[in-house]
Amino acid sequence: MIASLGFRKELPKRPVNQDTIRSALLAFQSILEHRISPSTRNIIKKSSGHARRWLKDSGDTPPGDILSKFITQMIDTYFTLCHPEIHMIEKISRIARKAAQLADDYPDFSPLYSMLFEYTDVMVPISKVLKCKKCFGPNAYNISLPVVDNDAFWIKVKQCLLLNEKNRNQLPLNYIPMDRHRLHDRASHMPPGESSRIKSWLARVCSIVGWDVKDIEWQIINYADFHESPCGPRMFFRTGRWCHLAKHTLQIREQIDDLKHTSGRDSDFSSEVGPYASRVVDLVEKKWFRALSVTGSYEFSDVALSSIERTRQGEYNYTPSVCRDFRQKQLFDPAELIVTEPLMVSRPFRYGRQQRGSRRARKRRAR
């Protein structure tokens, strides 16, 4: 993930002392439990060595820039190191909701929105981040899930969001509603306080990661349960209809170009949704085709050739288990989606623990 414009807010300049160094080393240990790139791992390991030596010397030597940067990295950009995909998710989830709102306001955009729908599904990486036991476990942010973690977890969160009439009225029209009868029937079985607990949890974890909760709600409502669009890119990919995927990709590009001309340079489409859509088309083309011409002729990439072989072996037959596994396969590589807009800042490592401890202490004293 490349962030050329940095963060929207300036990161704080923390003092270098024993407390901040120890906190940074705790964050460092938690970060190492994640899958991070070897180069990042080596850099922060080297900096942690400086931090430990400084503590061992009882702070007799001047701290220097290395320790100051180490503290900022470990504490203030903790989530960026553990889950660098959070910035890609921030961008795609924001664009997904904006695109839906555009489809509400401008009917001409609806065909392109339908074609982009499966490309704006980032529910799988969202779930991976928000259910990370290392980050939300007792050694880091210490936030437990609001309901039992099973296959129905996100469906229950979706029910909670759609039960709220105000919430539903604020949504763009282009969302996938749950069956109304089922929704009200399940609502009567929701234990008291569960709905407020779910909403409170979601708002809190989104704030910590650095996401707009409304964008994440939109993802959950649309993608909590998997829907394969008829004649959509996932169906073409699963069934090995590569010529259809090539045609679909070219059609998206044509519609993007048409809307750029008709919507104007300063429109929401041209300033945000259009550039994202163009990047996605480029990444889809890069992953599956060596060459894709405007005439519809194409050459397969190595990834596509490998997938074709598995399709011939019957690996992608349409069964519930295959569809669940298939959703894990990316239509394009999200890590290559270059984010050029300013990024949201995550909350510092262990944010909120001290405040909660202070509140509990005040309550004990009041008794």
Protein backbone atom coordinates (compact mmCIF):
# COMPACT_ATOMS: atom_id res chain seq x y z
CA MET A 1 0.00 0.00 0.00
CA ILE A 2 1.43 3.36 -1.03
CA ALA A 3 0.19 6.52 0.65
CA SER A 4 1.71 9.44 -1.23
CA LEU A 5 -0.11 12.17 0.69
CA GLY A 6 0.35 10.86 4.22
CA PHE A 7 -2.19 11.15 7.02
CA ARG A 8 -5.01 13.68 7.38
CA LYS A 9 -3.85 14.54 10.89
CA GLU A 10 -0.28 15.12 11.98
CA LEU A 11 1.03 12.33 14.19
CA PRO A 12 1.85 13.43 17.75
CA LYS A 13 5.42 14.00 18.88
CA ARG A 14 5.74 11.77 21.94
CA PRO A 15 8.40 12.24 24.61
CA VAL A 16 11.15 9.64 24.77
CA ASN A 17 11.10 8.23 28.28
CA GLN A 18 10.90 4.86 29.98
CA ASP A 19 7.07 4.75 29.85
CA THR A 20 6.83 5.47 26.12
CA ILE A 21 9.70 3.09 25.30
CA ARG A 22 8.08 0.25 27.29
CA SER A 23 4.74 0.89 25.62
CA ALA A 24 6.41 0.87 22.19
CA LEU A 25 8.14 -2.43 23.00
CA LEU A 26 4.81 -3.98 24.02
CA ALA A 27 3.34 -2.85 20.69
CA PHE A 28 6.43 -4.23 18.92
CA GLN A 29 5.85 -7.70 20.42
CA SER A 30 2.21 -7.63 19.30
CA ILE A 31 3.16 -6.49 15.78
CA LEU A 32 5.64 -9.37 15.42
CA GLU A 33 2.78 -11.84 15.96
CA HIS A 34 1.29 -10.70 12.63
CA ARG A 35 2.41 -11.55 9.13
CA ILE A 36 4.48 -8.55 8.13
CA SER A 37 6.99 -8.17 5.32
CA PRO A 38 10.55 -9.35 6.04
CA SER A 39 11.96 -5.88 5.31
CA THR A 40 9.57 -4.20 7.79
CA ARG A 41 10.30 -6.90 10.38
CA ASN A 42 14.07 -6.33 10.09
CA ILE A 43 13.77 -2.54 10.34
CA ILE A 44 11.62 -2.53 13.47
CA LYS A 45 13.70 -5.29 15.08
CA LYS A 46 16.80 -3.15 14.66
CA SER A 47 15.02 -0.15 16.21
CA SER A 48 13.75 -2.28 19.10
CA GLY A 49 17.36 -3.21 19.85
CA HIS A 50 18.21 0.50 20.27
CA ALA A 51 15.19 0.88 22.57
CA ARG A 52 16.21 -2.03 24.81
CA ARG A 53 19.79 -0.79 25.07
CA TRP A 54 18.52 2.68 26.01
CA LEU A 55 16.38 1.17 28.80
CA LYS A 56 19.30 -0.95 29.99
CA ASP A 57 21.49 2.16 30.23
CA SER A 58 18.72 3.77 32.34
CA GLY A 59 18.31 6.53 29.78
CA ASP A 60 21.84 7.89 30.31
CA THR A 61 22.48 8.31 26.57
CA PRO A 62 20.63 10.89 24.42
CA PRO A 63 17.58 9.21 22.79
CA GLY A 64 18.07 10.46 19.22
CA ASP A 65 15.70 10.33 16.25
CA ILE A 66 15.74 6.53 15.98
CA LEU A 67 13.93 6.07 19.30
CA SER A 68 11.50 8.90 18.61
CA LYS A 69 10.55 7.34 15.25
CA PHE A 70 10.33 3.89 16.83
CA ILE A 71 7.83 5.16 19.42
CA THR A 72 5.71 6.87 16.75
CA GLN A 73 5.75 3.79 14.50
CA MET A 74 4.87 1.29 17.23
CA ILE A 75 2.26 3.35 19.09
CA ASP A 76 0.68 5.71 16.55
CA THR A 77 0.88 3.64 13.35
CA TYR A 78 0.43 0.28 15.07
CA PHE A 79 -2.50 -0.78 12.88
CA THR A 80 -0.77 0.31 9.68
CA LEU A 81 2.08 -2.09 10.49
CA CYS A 82 -0.15 -5.00 11.61
CA HIS A 83 -2.75 -4.60 8.87
CA PRO A 84 -1.49 -2.38 6.01
CA GLU A 85 -4.67 -3.28 4.11
CA ILE A 86 -6.71 -0.95 6.37
CA HIS A 87 -6.01 1.99 4.04
CA MET A 88 -7.14 0.06 0.97
CA ILE A 89 -10.30 -0.91 2.88
CA GLU A 90 -10.84 2.71 3.94
CA LYS A 91 -10.70 3.84 0.32
CA ILE A 92 -12.79 1.08 -1.25
CA SER A 93 -15.51 1.16 1.42
CA ARG A 94 -15.79 4.95 1.04
CA ILE A 95 -16.01 4.68 -2.76
CA ALA A 96 -18.60 1.88 -2.52
CA ARG A 97 -21.00 4.05 -0.51
CA LYS A 98 -20.37 7.12 -2.68
CA ALA A 99 -21.02 5.08 -5.82
CA ALA A 100 -24.33 3.86 -4.38
CA GLN A 101 -25.34 7.43 -3.56
CA LEU A 102 -24.43 8.50 -7.10
CA ALA A 103 -26.64 5.74 -8.49
CA ASP A 104 -29.48 7.17 -6.36
CA ASP A 105 -28.95 10.70 -7.65
CA TYR A 106 -28.03 9.96 -11.28
CA PRO A 107 -29.85 7.05 -12.97
CA ASP A 108 -27.29 7.12 -15.82
CA PHE A 109 -24.71 5.84 -13.35
CA SER A 110 -26.74 2.76 -12.30
CA PRO A 111 -25.47 0.39 -15.05
CA LEU A 112 -21.84 1.11 -14.15
CA TYR A 113 -22.62 0.79 -10.43
CA SER A 114 -24.06 -2.69 -11.06
CA MET A 115 -20.93 -3.68 -12.97
CA LEU A 116 -18.67 -2.39 -10.18
CA PHE A 117 -20.69 -3.93 -7.34
CA GLU A 118 -18.57 -7.07 -6.88
CA TYR A 119 -15.33 -5.08 -7.14
CA THR A 120 -16.26 -2.98 -4.09
CA ASP A 121 -16.71 -6.01 -1.81
CA VAL A 122 -14.02 -5.84 0.90
CA MET A 123 -15.99 -7.71 3.57
CA VAL A 124 -13.47 -10.54 3.84
CA PRO A 125 -10.50 -8.27 4.78
CA ILE A 126 -12.80 -6.18 7.05
CA SER A 127 -13.72 -9.33 8.96
CA LYS A 128 -10.06 -10.34 9.22
CA VAL A 129 -9.13 -6.98 10.78
CA LEU A 130 -12.08 -6.56 13.15
CA LYS A 131 -11.82 -10.15 14.41
CA CYS A 132 -8.04 -10.04 14.90
CA LYS A 133 -7.47 -11.66 18.30
CA LYS A 134 -3.96 -10.26 18.53
CA CYS A 135 -5.08 -6.64 18.10
CA PHE A 136 -8.34 -6.79 20.04
CA GLY A 137 -7.12 -9.28 22.62
CA PRO A 138 -6.12 -8.41 26.22
CA ASN A 139 -2.54 -7.40 25.32
CA ALA A 140 -3.58 -4.66 22.89
CA TYR A 141 -7.00 -2.93 22.71
CA ASN A 142 -8.87 -5.54 24.79
CA ILE A 143 -12.25 -5.38 23.03
CA SER A 144 -14.35 -8.54 22.88
CA LEU A 145 -16.87 -9.37 20.16
CA PRO A 146 -20.47 -8.39 21.01
CA VAL A 147 -21.97 -11.79 20.09
CA VAL A 148 -20.73 -15.34 19.61
CA ASP A 149 -18.25 -15.65 16.74
CA ASN A 150 -19.70 -18.18 14.31
CA ASP A 151 -20.81 -18.35 10.67
CA ALA A 152 -23.81 -16.13 11.45
CA PHE A 153 -21.79 -13.38 13.17
CA TRP A 154 -21.93 -10.79 10.37
CA ILE A 155 -25.51 -11.72 9.48
CA LYS A 156 -26.49 -10.85 13.05
CA VAL A 157 -24.63 -7.53 12.80
CA LYS A 158 -26.44 -6.84 9.52
CA GLN A 159 -29.81 -7.60 11.16
CA CYS A 160 -28.99 -5.18 13.95
CA LEU A 161 -28.16 -2.40 11.47
CA LEU A 162 -31.29 -2.93 9.37
CA LEU A 163 -33.61 -3.16 12.37
CA ASN A 164 -33.04 0.52 13.05
CA GLU A 165 -35.52 2.47 10.90
CA LYS A 166 -33.43 5.67 11.05
CA ASN A 167 -30.43 3.68 9.88
CA ARG A 168 -32.38 2.24 6.94
CA ASN A 169 -33.70 5.66 5.91
CA GLN A 170 -30.16 7.06 5.74
CA LEU A 171 -28.95 4.32 3.40
CA PRO A 172 -28.68 4.74 -0.36
CA LEU A 173 -31.48 2.88 -2.11
CA ASN A 174 -29.08 0.42 -3.72
CA TYR A 175 -28.61 -1.95 -0.83
CA ILE A 176 -29.52 -5.62 -0.52
CA PRO A 177 -32.33 -5.76 2.07
CA MET A 178 -33.02 -8.82 4.13
CA ASP A 179 -36.43 -10.37 3.72
CA ARG A 180 -38.74 -8.11 5.78
CA HIS A 181 -40.70 -11.00 7.32
CA ARG A 182 -37.53 -12.82 8.38
CA LEU A 183 -36.03 -9.60 9.71
CA HIS A 184 -38.93 -8.80 12.03
CA ASP A 185 -39.23 -12.44 13.09
CA ARG A 186 -35.56 -12.58 14.10
CA ALA A 187 -35.82 -9.20 15.81
CA SER A 188 -38.24 -10.62 18.35
CA HIS A 189 -35.60 -13.22 19.31
CA MET A 190 -32.76 -10.72 19.74
CA PRO A 191 -31.86 -10.62 23.46
CA PRO A 192 -32.36 -7.28 25.26
CA GLY A 193 -29.37 -4.99 24.83
CA GLU A 194 -27.79 -7.06 22.05
CA SER A 195 -28.58 -4.50 19.34
CA SER A 196 -27.06 -1.59 21.28
CA ARG A 197 -24.05 -3.75 22.19
CA ILE A 198 -23.40 -4.57 18.53
CA LYS A 199 -23.71 -0.94 17.41
CA SER A 200 -21.47 0.27 20.24
CA TRP A 201 -18.84 -2.37 19.40
CA LEU A 202 -18.84 -1.53 15.69
CA ALA A 203 -18.52 2.23 16.28
CA ARG A 204 -15.67 1.66 18.71
CA VAL A 205 -13.58 -0.73 16.62
CA CYS A 206 -14.03 1.39 13.48
CA SER A 207 -12.83 4.45 15.41
CA ILE A 208 -9.76 2.54 16.59
CA VAL A 209 -8.84 1.24 13.12
CA GLY A 210 -9.52 4.63 11.47
CA TRP A 211 -12.61 3.84 9.39
CA ASP A 212 -15.85 5.76 8.92
CA VAL A 213 -18.42 3.51 10.60
CA LYS A 214 -21.06 4.41 7.97
CA ASP A 215 -18.79 3.08 5.21
CA ILE A 216 -18.28 -0.19 7.10
CA GLU A 217 -22.00 -0.49 7.83
CA TRP A 218 -22.60 -0.25 4.08
CA GLN A 219 -20.16 -3.11 3.49
CA ILE A 220 -21.82 -5.28 6.13
CA ILE A 221 -25.33 -4.60 4.84
CA ASN A 222 -24.42 -5.44 1.24
CA TYR A 223 -21.78 -8.12 1.61
CA ALA A 224 -22.30 -9.85 4.99
CA ASP A 225 -23.71 -12.82 3.13
CA PHE A 226 -22.20 -13.67 -0.23
CA HIS A 227 -24.20 -12.88 -3.36
CA GLU A 228 -22.77 -13.85 -6.74
CA SER A 229 -24.15 -11.47 -9.35
CA PRO A 230 -25.66 -13.24 -12.38
CA CYS A 231 -23.34 -12.62 -15.33
CA GLY A 232 -20.94 -10.79 -13.02
CA PRO A 233 -17.14 -11.06 -12.83
CA ARG A 234 -17.12 -13.66 -10.03
CA MET A 235 -19.41 -15.93 -12.03
CA PHE A 236 -17.22 -15.53 -15.13
CA PHE A 237 -14.12 -16.27 -13.06
CA ARG A 238 -15.63 -19.30 -11.29
CA THR A 239 -16.99 -20.85 -14.48
CA GLY A 240 -13.93 -20.05 -16.58
CA ARG A 241 -15.75 -17.78 -19.02
CA TRP A 242 -12.70 -15.69 -19.74
CA CYS A 243 -13.98 -14.14 -22.94
CA HIS A 244 -16.97 -12.86 -20.96
CA LEU A 245 -14.66 -11.43 -18.28
CA ALA A 246 -12.63 -9.70 -21.01
CA LYS A 247 -15.80 -8.22 -22.51
CA HIS A 248 -17.07 -7.16 -19.07
CA THR A 249 -13.77 -5.40 -18.35
CA LEU A 250 -13.88 -3.54 -21.67
CA GLN A 251 -17.51 -2.51 -21.09
CA ILE A 252 -16.63 -1.01 -17.70
CA ARG A 253 -13.82 0.98 -19.29
CA GLU A 254 -16.16 2.29 -22.00
CA GLN A 255 -18.79 3.34 -19.46
CA ILE A 256 -16.18 5.10 -17.32
CA ASP A 257 -14.97 7.07 -20.34
CA ASP A 258 -18.54 8.00 -21.32
CA LEU A 259 -19.40 9.20 -17.80
CA LYS A 260 -16.20 11.24 -17.59
CA HIS A 261 -17.32 13.20 -20.66
CA THR A 262 -20.95 13.64 -19.57
CA SER A 263 -20.57 14.25 -15.81
CA GLY A 264 -18.05 17.10 -15.86
CA ARG A 265 -14.60 17.48 -14.35
CA ASP A 266 -15.77 18.64 -10.89
CA SER A 267 -18.45 16.01 -10.34
CA ASP A 268 -18.27 13.38 -7.57
CA PHE A 269 -17.81 10.75 -10.26
CA SER A 270 -14.81 12.43 -11.90
CA SER A 271 -13.16 13.39 -8.61
CA GLU A 272 -13.54 10.11 -6.67
CA VAL A 273 -15.53 7.20 -8.10
CA GLY A 274 -14.18 7.41 -11.65
CA PRO A 275 -10.46 7.28 -10.75
CA TYR A 276 -11.06 4.30 -8.44
CA ALA A 277 -13.06 2.46 -11.11
CA SER A 278 -10.26 3.07 -13.63
CA ARG A 279 -7.66 1.69 -11.22
CA VAL A 280 -9.75 -1.42 -10.62
CA VAL A 281 -10.12 -2.09 -14.35
CA ASP A 282 -6.35 -1.75 -14.75
CA LEU A 283 -5.71 -4.21 -11.90
CA VAL A 284 -8.27 -6.74 -13.18
CA GLU A 285 -6.70 -6.57 -16.62
CA LYS A 286 -3.21 -6.90 -15.15
CA LYS A 287 -4.12 -10.00 -13.11
CA TRP A 288 -5.97 -12.03 -15.74
CA PHE A 289 -4.71 -10.85 -19.13
CA ARG A 290 -1.32 -10.22 -20.67
CA ALA A 291 -2.97 -8.14 -23.34
CA LEU A 292 -6.54 -6.93 -23.78
CA SER A 293 -7.40 -4.87 -26.85
CA VAL A 294 -10.43 -2.71 -27.57
CA THR A 295 -11.46 -5.23 -30.21
CA GLY A 296 -11.94 -7.87 -27.50
CA SER A 297 -8.88 -9.97 -28.35
CA TYR A 298 -6.79 -11.03 -25.35
CA GLU A 299 -3.95 -13.20 -24.09
CA PHE A 300 -4.18 -15.02 -20.75
CA SER A 301 -1.87 -14.28 -17.84
CA ASP A 302 -0.14 -17.10 -15.94
CA VAL A 303 -2.69 -16.72 -13.11
CA ALA A 304 -5.57 -17.17 -15.56
CA LEU A 305 -3.94 -20.19 -17.18
CA SER A 306 -3.56 -21.84 -13.77
CA SER A 307 -7.23 -21.12 -12.97
CA ILE A 308 -8.32 -22.54 -16.33
CA GLU A 309 -6.58 -25.82 -15.49
CA ARG A 310 -8.39 -26.04 -12.12
CA THR A 311 -11.72 -25.29 -13.82
CA ARG A 312 -11.16 -28.19 -16.23
CA GLN A 313 -10.59 -30.45 -13.22
CA GLY A 314 -14.00 -29.48 -11.84
CA GLU A 315 -12.60 -27.54 -8.89
CA TYR A 316 -14.96 -24.59 -9.39
CA ASN A 317 -18.29 -26.41 -9.56
CA TYR A 318 -21.16 -24.43 -8.05
CA THR A 319 -21.61 -25.84 -4.53
CA PRO A 320 -22.11 -23.94 -1.24
CA SER A 321 -18.68 -24.97 0.08
CA VAL A 322 -16.93 -23.98 -3.16
CA CYS A 323 -18.70 -20.61 -3.14
CA ARG A 324 -17.62 -19.94 0.45
CA ASP A 325 -14.01 -20.80 -0.40
CA PHE A 326 -14.20 -18.99 -3.71
CA ARG A 327 -15.04 -15.70 -2.04
CA GLN A 328 -11.54 -15.69 -0.53
CA LYS A 329 -10.08 -15.45 -4.04
CA GLN A 330 -9.47 -11.86 -5.11
CA LEU A 331 -10.64 -10.58 -8.49
CA PHE A 332 -7.65 -8.22 -8.38
CA ASP A 333 -4.76 -7.64 -6.01
CA PRO A 334 -5.98 -4.97 -3.52
CA ALA A 335 -2.42 -4.38 -2.28
CA GLU A 336 -1.65 -2.83 -5.67
CA LEU A 337 -4.46 -0.28 -5.39
CA ILE A 338 -2.40 2.87 -4.89
CA VAL A 339 -4.08 5.22 -2.42
CA THR A 340 -3.21 8.83 -3.26
CA GLU A 341 -5.65 10.57 -0.91
CA PRO A 342 -4.83 11.48 2.71
CA LEU A 343 -5.36 8.59 5.12
CA MET A 344 -7.29 8.38 8.36
CA VAL A 345 -5.17 7.90 11.49
CA SER A 346 -5.77 4.85 13.67
CA ARG A 347 -5.99 5.20 17.44
CA PRO A 348 -2.74 4.69 19.37
CA PHE A 349 -1.76 1.26 20.66
CA ARG A 350 -3.91 0.22 23.65
CA TYR A 351 -6.11 3.29 23.18
CA GLY A 352 -9.00 3.43 25.64
CA ARG A 353 -7.59 0.99 28.20
CA GLN A 354 -6.26 3.71 30.49
CA GLN A 355 -9.51 5.69 30.32
CA ARG A 356 -11.58 2.60 31.14
CA GLY A 357 -9.27 1.75 34.02
CA SER A 358 -9.60 5.29 35.41
CA ARG A 359 -13.41 5.13 35.19
CA ARG A 360 -13.49 1.80 37.04
CA ALA A 361 -11.18 3.20 39.73
CA ARG A 362 -13.45 6.24 40.20
CA LYS A 363 -16.48 3.97 40.54
CA ARG A 364 -14.72 1.86 43.18
CA ARG A 365 -13.77 4.97 45.15
CA ALA A 366 -17.37 6.26 44.91
CA ARG A 367 -18.63 3.09 46.59
